[in-house]
Amino acid sequence: MNLGTFEERRIRIKEIKLVAEALYEAKAKDDEILRVLMKVCDIDRETAMTALQDEKFIYSPSRELYQYLILEKGFDAHDADEFAKNARTLLVGNTELSKVSPAKMFNSINKANR
C-alpha cells in the first residue's frame, strides 16, 4: 500500500469530519449539512449521511461530555479525554444515549461500567 495514498485518505476523512462538525455546531439544518458536504467535500450522499450521523450521535455528544467533565466535574484533561473515548464506544451502539444531557450520560456510563 502506498503511504501517500493512506495519508491522503486519512487527511480527507479528517476534512469531512471537520466540515460536518462546523456545520452541525453552527446549527445548520440536516439537509443543508448534507448538501454542503456533498458539494464542498465532493462526496456522495451516503458518505455525507454517514459523516452527519457520526457527528450527530457520536462526536458532538462526546465533546459536550468532555466539556462537562472538565468544567462541572473537575476532571483533568487526560481523564476527561479517556472517559470521552470510552463514551464514544458506547455511543456507537446506543444512539439514545446521545440524546441525553452530559450529566445523564455521565451517570449512565458510570452505571454501565460498574
Protein backbone atom coordinates (compact mmCIF):
# COMPACT_ATOMS: atom_id res chain seq x y z
CA MET A 1 0.00 0.00 0.00
CA ASN A 2 1.26 3.43 -0.93
CA LEU A 3 1.80 5.51 2.24
CA GLY A 4 0.94 8.70 0.37
CA THR A 5 -2.44 7.25 -0.53
CA PHE A 6 -3.06 6.18 3.07
CA GLU A 7 -2.06 9.61 4.38
CA GLU A 8 -4.20 11.36 1.77
CA ARG A 9 -7.20 9.23 2.74
CA ARG A 10 -6.67 10.00 6.44
CA ILE A 11 -6.50 13.74 5.69
CA ARG A 12 -9.62 13.53 3.50
CA ILE A 13 -11.61 11.79 6.24
CA LYS A 14 -10.48 14.41 8.75
CA GLU A 15 -11.56 17.23 6.41
CA ILE A 16 -15.03 15.70 6.01
CA LYS A 17 -15.35 15.34 9.79
CA LEU A 18 -14.30 18.97 10.33
CA VAL A 19 -16.82 20.29 7.80
CA ALA A 20 -19.59 18.19 9.37
CA GLU A 21 -18.59 19.40 12.84
CA ALA A 22 -18.52 23.07 11.84
CA LEU A 23 -21.91 22.91 10.15
CA TYR A 24 -23.51 20.92 12.96
CA GLU A 25 -22.12 23.26 15.63
CA ALA A 26 -23.44 26.21 13.59
CA LYS A 27 -26.89 24.58 13.90
CA ALA A 28 -27.35 24.19 10.15
CA LYS A 29 -30.30 22.00 9.15
CA ASP A 30 -29.52 18.39 8.29
CA ASP A 31 -30.44 18.82 4.60
CA GLU A 32 -28.13 21.84 4.34
CA ILE A 33 -25.29 19.96 6.03
CA LEU A 34 -25.71 17.09 3.56
CA ARG A 35 -25.82 19.47 0.58
CA VAL A 36 -22.68 21.32 1.65
CA LEU A 37 -20.80 18.12 2.48
CA MET A 38 -21.60 16.67 -0.94
CA LYS A 39 -20.67 19.86 -2.78
CA VAL A 40 -17.64 21.10 -0.81
CA CYS A 41 -16.15 17.72 0.05
CA ASP A 42 -17.15 16.18 -3.30
CA ILE A 43 -18.66 13.08 -1.67
CA ASP A 44 -21.74 11.03 -2.41
CA ARG A 45 -24.94 11.26 -0.38
CA GLU A 46 -24.30 8.04 1.54
CA THR A 47 -20.87 9.22 2.71
CA ALA A 48 -22.32 12.61 3.66
CA MET A 49 -25.11 10.94 5.64
CA THR A 50 -22.61 8.76 7.47
CA ALA A 51 -20.50 11.82 8.34
CA LEU A 52 -23.56 13.69 9.64
CA GLN A 53 -24.78 10.65 11.58
CA ASP A 54 -21.37 10.21 13.23
CA GLU A 55 -21.23 13.90 14.13
CA LYS A 56 -24.77 13.99 15.47
CA PHE A 57 -24.74 10.77 17.50
CA ILE A 58 -21.08 10.23 18.44
CA TYR A 59 -18.68 13.15 18.14
CA SER A 60 -20.83 16.11 19.24
CA PRO A 61 -22.22 14.33 22.34
CA SER A 62 -18.73 13.17 23.34
CA ARG A 63 -17.36 16.75 23.00
CA GLU A 64 -20.21 18.02 25.20
CA LEU A 65 -19.43 15.29 27.72
CA TYR A 66 -15.72 16.19 27.67
CA GLN A 67 -16.56 19.84 28.40
CA TYR A 68 -18.95 18.83 31.19
CA LEU A 69 -16.33 16.61 32.80
CA ILE A 70 -13.76 19.39 32.89
CA LEU A 71 -16.00 22.33 33.78
CA GLU A 72 -18.56 20.68 36.03
CA LYS A 73 -16.91 17.57 37.46
CA GLY A 74 -13.35 18.86 37.80
CA PHE A 75 -11.69 16.17 35.67
CA ASP A 76 -8.25 16.94 34.31
CA ALA A 77 -7.92 16.96 30.51
CA HIS A 78 -6.36 13.49 30.30
CA ASP A 79 -9.03 11.79 32.42
CA ALA A 80 -11.83 13.62 30.62
CA ASP A 81 -10.36 12.56 27.27
CA GLU A 82 -10.17 8.91 28.35
CA PHE A 83 -13.74 8.99 29.66
CA ALA A 84 -14.99 10.63 26.44
CA LYS A 85 -13.20 7.98 24.33
CA ASN A 86 -15.00 5.29 26.32
CA ALA A 87 -18.25 7.19 25.80
CA ARG A 88 -17.74 7.25 22.01
CA THR A 89 -17.52 3.46 22.05
CA LEU A 90 -20.83 3.27 23.90
CA LEU A 91 -22.46 5.92 21.70
CA VAL A 92 -21.76 3.87 18.57
CA GLY A 93 -24.16 1.19 19.76
CA ASN A 94 -26.66 3.38 21.61
CA THR A 95 -27.99 6.44 19.78
CA GLU A 96 -30.48 7.09 22.59
CA LEU A 97 -27.55 7.85 24.91
CA SER A 98 -26.55 10.70 22.58
CA LYS A 99 -29.87 12.44 23.21
CA VAL A 100 -29.47 12.89 26.96
CA SER A 101 -27.68 15.69 28.79
CA PRO A 102 -23.96 15.30 29.52
CA ALA A 103 -24.79 14.84 33.22
CA LYS A 104 -27.19 11.97 32.48
CA MET A 105 -24.72 10.48 30.00
CA PHE A 106 -22.00 10.59 32.66
CA ASN A 107 -24.26 8.82 35.16
CA SER A 108 -25.37 6.20 32.61
CA ILE A 109 -21.80 5.42 31.60
CA ASN A 110 -20.72 5.13 35.23
CA LYS A 111 -23.57 2.70 35.89
CA ALA A 112 -22.68 0.67 32.78
CA ASN A 113 -19.03 0.43 33.89
CA ARG A 114 -19.83 -0.95 37.33
